């Protein structure tokens, strides 16, 4: 599970747990053939030059994301993001 922690300058703290199953389902949805076809059609409708039919292969990209999630599961405790903004807001993303 990925944990996103946000702490504001007023010491308010929010922790958002993101389960791996939600990430896997979201990546499958975003990389579906129908959605990619829709995005390419809308982009070609409003673009000056039409885009190639397949910018990225959704099937290959989906497989690579699933492999990445498998690897990430093996590294629990790893801190991916540790950012402090000028206004005192802190953001941490941990596995």
N, C-alpha and C. Protein backbone atom coordinates (compact mmCIF):
# COMPACT_ATOMS: atom_id res chain seq x y z
N UNK A 1 0.85 -1.17 0.00
CA UNK A 1 0.00 0.00 0.00
C UNK A 1 0.90 1.24 0.00
N UNK A 2 0.57 2.18 -0.83
CA UNK A 2 1.29 3.44 -0.89
C UNK A 2 0.58 4.42 0.03
N UNK A 3 1.36 5.14 0.84
CA UNK A 3 0.79 6.10 1.78
C UNK A 3 1.25 7.50 1.39
N UNK A 4 0.29 8.38 1.16
CA UNK A 4 0.57 9.77 0.82
C UNK A 4 0.23 10.60 2.04
N UNK A 5 1.23 11.28 2.61
CA UNK A 5 1.03 12.11 3.80
C UNK A 5 1.24 13.57 3.42
N UNK A 6 0.28 14.41 3.80
CA UNK A 6 0.36 15.84 3.55
C UNK A 6 0.20 16.56 4.88
N UNK A 7 1.17 17.40 5.22
CA UNK A 7 1.12 18.19 6.45
C UNK A 7 1.20 19.66 6.06
N UNK A 8 0.23 20.45 6.51
CA UNK A 8 0.22 21.87 6.18
C UNK A 8 0.98 22.65 7.25
N UNK A 9 1.15 23.93 7.00
CA UNK A 9 1.87 24.79 7.93
C UNK A 9 1.11 24.98 9.24
N UNK A 10 -0.18 24.73 9.24
CA UNK A 10 -0.98 24.86 10.46
C UNK A 10 -1.06 23.53 11.21
N UNK A 11 -0.15 22.63 10.90
CA UNK A 11 -0.02 21.32 11.56
C UNK A 11 -1.21 20.40 11.30
N UNK A 12 -1.95 20.67 10.26
CA UNK A 12 -2.98 19.73 9.84
C UNK A 12 -2.31 18.63 9.04
N UNK A 13 -2.70 17.43 9.30
CA UNK A 13 -2.06 16.30 8.64
C UNK A 13 -3.11 15.39 8.01
N UNK A 14 -2.86 15.02 6.77
CA UNK A 14 -3.74 14.10 6.05
C UNK A 14 -2.90 12.93 5.57
N UNK A 15 -3.40 11.73 5.76
CA UNK A 15 -2.74 10.54 5.24
C UNK A 15 -3.74 9.80 4.37
N UNK A 16 -3.33 9.56 3.12
CA UNK A 16 -4.21 8.90 2.16
C UNK A 16 -3.57 7.57 1.79
N UNK A 17 -4.16 6.44 2.20
CA UNK A 17 -3.63 5.15 1.78
C UNK A 17 -4.17 4.78 0.39
N UNK A 18 -3.26 4.34 -0.47
CA UNK A 18 -3.65 3.94 -1.83
C UNK A 18 -3.26 2.47 -2.00
N UNK A 19 -4.24 1.56 -2.02
CA UNK A 19 -3.92 0.14 -2.17
C UNK A 19 -3.45 -0.18 -3.59
N UNK A 20 -2.64 -1.22 -3.68
CA UNK A 20 -2.09 -1.62 -4.98
C UNK A 20 -3.19 -2.06 -5.94
N UNK A 21 -4.25 -2.64 -5.41
CA UNK A 21 -5.35 -3.07 -6.29
C UNK A 21 -6.01 -1.87 -6.96
N UNK A 22 -6.10 -0.75 -6.25
CA UNK A 22 -6.65 0.47 -6.83
C UNK A 22 -5.72 1.01 -7.92
N UNK A 23 -4.42 0.96 -7.68
CA UNK A 23 -3.46 1.40 -8.70
C UNK A 23 -3.54 0.52 -9.94
N UNK A 24 -3.65 -0.78 -9.73
CA UNK A 24 -3.73 -1.71 -10.86
C UNK A 24 -5.01 -1.49 -11.66
N UNK A 25 -6.13 -1.31 -10.97
CA UNK A 25 -7.40 -1.07 -11.65
C UNK A 25 -7.37 0.27 -12.39
N UNK A 26 -6.80 1.28 -11.77
CA UNK A 26 -6.71 2.59 -12.41
C UNK A 26 -5.84 2.57 -13.64
N UNK A 27 -4.72 1.86 -13.57
CA UNK A 27 -3.84 1.78 -14.74
C UNK A 27 -4.51 1.00 -15.86
N UNK A 28 -5.27 -0.04 -15.52
CA UNK A 28 -5.99 -0.80 -16.55
C UNK A 28 -7.06 0.06 -17.22
N UNK A 29 -7.73 0.88 -16.42
CA UNK A 29 -8.76 1.75 -16.98
C UNK A 29 -8.16 2.83 -17.87
N UNK A 30 -7.08 3.46 -17.41
CA UNK A 30 -6.46 4.54 -18.18
C UNK A 30 -5.80 4.05 -19.46
N UNK A 31 -5.40 2.79 -19.48
CA UNK A 31 -4.72 2.26 -20.66
C UNK A 31 -5.61 1.34 -21.49
N UNK A 32 -6.91 1.47 -21.35
CA UNK A 32 -7.81 0.64 -22.14
C UNK A 32 -7.81 1.11 -23.60
N UNK A 33 -8.09 0.19 -24.49
CA UNK A 33 -8.08 0.49 -25.93
C UNK A 33 -9.12 1.55 -26.27
N UNK A 34 -10.31 1.47 -25.67
CA UNK A 34 -11.37 2.43 -25.99
C UNK A 34 -10.99 3.84 -25.57
N UNK A 35 -10.39 3.98 -24.39
CA UNK A 35 -10.01 5.31 -23.93
C UNK A 35 -8.91 5.90 -24.81
N UNK A 36 -7.91 5.09 -25.18
CA UNK A 36 -6.84 5.57 -26.05
C UNK A 36 -7.39 5.99 -27.41
N UNK A 37 -8.32 5.21 -27.95
CA UNK A 37 -8.92 5.56 -29.23
C UNK A 37 -9.67 6.89 -29.12
N UNK A 38 -10.41 7.07 -28.01
CA UNK A 38 -11.14 8.32 -27.79
C UNK A 38 -10.17 9.50 -27.69
N UNK A 39 -9.08 9.35 -26.94
CA UNK A 39 -8.11 10.43 -26.76
C UNK A 39 -7.48 10.80 -28.10
N UNK A 40 -7.12 9.81 -28.89
CA UNK A 40 -6.50 10.08 -30.19
C UNK A 40 -7.50 10.76 -31.13
N UNK A 41 -8.76 10.32 -31.12
CA UNK A 41 -9.78 10.93 -31.96
C UNK A 41 -10.01 12.39 -31.59
N UNK A 42 -10.14 12.67 -30.29
CA UNK A 42 -10.36 14.05 -29.84
C UNK A 42 -9.14 14.92 -30.14
N UNK A 43 -7.95 14.37 -29.93
CA UNK A 43 -6.73 15.13 -30.20
C UNK A 43 -6.63 15.45 -31.68
N UNK A 44 -6.91 14.48 -32.54
CA UNK A 44 -6.85 14.72 -33.98
C UNK A 44 -7.91 15.71 -34.44
N UNK A 45 -9.03 15.75 -33.75
CA UNK A 45 -10.10 16.68 -34.11
C UNK A 45 -9.67 18.13 -33.89
N UNK A 46 -8.92 18.39 -32.81
CA UNK A 46 -8.55 19.76 -32.47
C UNK A 46 -7.10 20.11 -32.78
N UNK A 47 -6.30 19.15 -33.20
CA UNK A 47 -4.89 19.41 -33.49
C UNK A 47 -4.73 19.91 -34.92
N UNK A 48 -3.67 20.70 -35.15
CA UNK A 48 -3.39 21.17 -36.50
C UNK A 48 -2.88 20.03 -37.38
N UNK A 49 -2.01 19.19 -36.80
CA UNK A 49 -1.50 18.03 -37.52
C UNK A 49 -2.02 16.78 -36.83
N UNK A 50 -2.54 15.83 -37.60
CA UNK A 50 -3.03 14.60 -36.95
C UNK A 50 -1.90 13.80 -36.32
N UNK A 51 -2.20 13.18 -35.20
CA UNK A 51 -1.22 12.35 -34.50
C UNK A 51 -1.15 10.97 -35.14
N UNK A 52 -0.04 10.28 -34.98
CA UNK A 52 -0.01 8.89 -35.45
C UNK A 52 -1.07 8.07 -34.73
N UNK A 53 -1.50 6.99 -35.35
CA UNK A 53 -2.58 6.18 -34.79
C UNK A 53 -2.21 5.66 -33.40
N UNK A 54 -1.02 5.16 -33.24
CA UNK A 54 -0.60 4.64 -31.94
C UNK A 54 0.66 5.37 -31.48
N UNK A 55 0.51 6.26 -30.52
CA UNK A 55 1.66 6.95 -29.95
C UNK A 55 2.43 5.98 -29.06
N UNK A 56 1.74 5.38 -28.16
CA UNK A 56 2.27 4.34 -27.29
C UNK A 56 1.35 3.15 -27.39
N UNK A 57 1.91 1.99 -27.35
CA UNK A 57 1.09 0.79 -27.38
C UNK A 57 0.49 0.58 -25.99
N UNK A 58 -0.83 0.71 -25.84
CA UNK A 58 -1.43 0.59 -24.51
C UNK A 58 -1.20 -0.77 -23.86
N UNK A 59 -1.19 -1.82 -24.65
CA UNK A 59 -1.01 -3.16 -24.09
C UNK A 59 0.38 -3.30 -23.47
N UNK A 60 1.42 -2.83 -24.18
CA UNK A 60 2.79 -2.92 -23.67
C UNK A 60 2.96 -2.02 -22.45
N UNK A 61 2.41 -0.83 -22.51
CA UNK A 61 2.51 0.10 -21.39
C UNK A 61 1.81 -0.45 -20.16
N UNK A 62 0.65 -1.08 -20.35
CA UNK A 62 -0.09 -1.67 -19.23
C UNK A 62 0.73 -2.79 -18.59
N UNK A 63 1.36 -3.63 -19.42
CA UNK A 63 2.18 -4.72 -18.89
C UNK A 63 3.37 -4.18 -18.12
N UNK A 64 3.99 -3.12 -18.61
CA UNK A 64 5.13 -2.52 -17.92
C UNK A 64 4.70 -1.92 -16.58
N UNK A 65 3.54 -1.29 -16.52
CA UNK A 65 3.05 -0.74 -15.25
C UNK A 65 2.74 -1.83 -14.25
N UNK A 66 2.17 -2.94 -14.70
CA UNK A 66 1.89 -4.05 -13.79
C UNK A 66 3.20 -4.65 -13.26
N UNK A 67 4.21 -4.75 -14.12
CA UNK A 67 5.52 -5.23 -13.67
C UNK A 67 6.14 -4.27 -12.66
N UNK A 68 5.98 -2.97 -12.90
CA UNK A 68 6.50 -1.97 -11.97
C UNK A 68 5.82 -2.09 -10.61
N UNK A 69 4.51 -2.31 -10.60
CA UNK A 69 3.79 -2.47 -9.32
C UNK A 69 4.26 -3.71 -8.58
N UNK A 70 4.58 -4.78 -9.30
CA UNK A 70 5.11 -5.98 -8.65
C UNK A 70 6.46 -5.69 -7.99
N UNK A 71 7.29 -4.93 -8.67
CA UNK A 71 8.61 -4.59 -8.12
C UNK A 71 8.46 -3.67 -6.92
N UNK A 72 7.56 -2.71 -7.01
CA UNK A 72 7.35 -1.76 -5.91
C UNK A 72 6.90 -2.48 -4.64
N UNK A 73 6.08 -3.53 -4.78
CA UNK A 73 5.60 -4.27 -3.61
C UNK A 73 6.75 -4.89 -2.81
N UNK A 74 7.87 -5.17 -3.47
CA UNK A 74 9.00 -5.81 -2.81
C UNK A 74 9.84 -4.83 -2.00
N UNK A 75 9.63 -3.53 -2.16
CA UNK A 75 10.45 -2.52 -1.49
C UNK A 75 9.64 -1.70 -0.51
N UNK A 76 9.02 -2.36 0.45
CA UNK A 76 8.20 -1.66 1.44
C UNK A 76 9.08 -0.78 2.31
N UNK A 77 8.56 0.40 2.66
CA UNK A 77 9.29 1.33 3.48
C UNK A 77 10.08 2.35 2.68
N UNK A 78 10.18 2.17 1.38
CA UNK A 78 10.92 3.10 0.53
C UNK A 78 10.16 4.42 0.43
N UNK A 79 10.87 5.52 0.55
CA UNK A 79 10.24 6.84 0.45
C UNK A 79 10.46 7.36 -0.97
N UNK A 80 9.37 7.56 -1.70
CA UNK A 80 9.45 8.00 -3.08
C UNK A 80 9.54 9.51 -3.21
N UNK A 81 8.77 10.22 -2.39
CA UNK A 81 8.73 11.68 -2.47
C UNK A 81 8.82 12.24 -1.07
N UNK A 82 9.69 13.25 -0.89
CA UNK A 82 9.82 13.98 0.37
C UNK A 82 10.04 15.44 0.01
N UNK A 83 8.97 16.22 -0.01
CA UNK A 83 9.03 17.60 -0.49
C UNK A 83 8.51 18.54 0.59
N UNK A 84 9.21 19.65 0.77
CA UNK A 84 8.74 20.71 1.66
C UNK A 84 8.62 21.98 0.83
N UNK A 85 7.44 22.56 0.81
CA UNK A 85 7.20 23.77 0.03
C UNK A 85 7.56 25.01 0.85
N UNK A 86 7.62 26.14 0.20
CA UNK A 86 7.99 27.38 0.87
C UNK A 86 6.97 27.81 1.91
N UNK A 87 5.70 27.44 1.72
CA UNK A 87 4.67 27.84 2.69
C UNK A 87 4.58 26.89 3.88
N UNK A 88 5.47 25.91 3.96
CA UNK A 88 5.51 25.01 5.10
C UNK A 88 4.78 23.69 4.88
N UNK A 89 4.19 23.49 3.71
CA UNK A 89 3.49 22.26 3.42
C UNK A 89 4.50 21.15 3.12
N UNK A 90 4.29 19.99 3.73
CA UNK A 90 5.18 18.85 3.50
C UNK A 90 4.39 17.71 2.86
N UNK A 91 5.01 17.06 1.89
CA UNK A 91 4.38 15.94 1.21
C UNK A 91 5.35 14.76 1.24
N UNK A 92 4.87 13.62 1.72
CA UNK A 92 5.66 12.39 1.76
C UNK A 92 4.87 11.30 1.06
N UNK A 93 5.56 10.53 0.22
CA UNK A 93 4.95 9.37 -0.43
C UNK A 93 5.84 8.18 -0.08
N UNK A 94 5.27 7.22 0.64
CA UNK A 94 6.02 6.05 1.08
C UNK A 94 5.31 4.79 0.62
N UNK A 95 6.11 3.76 0.44
CA UNK A 95 5.54 2.45 0.07
C UNK A 95 5.17 1.69 1.31
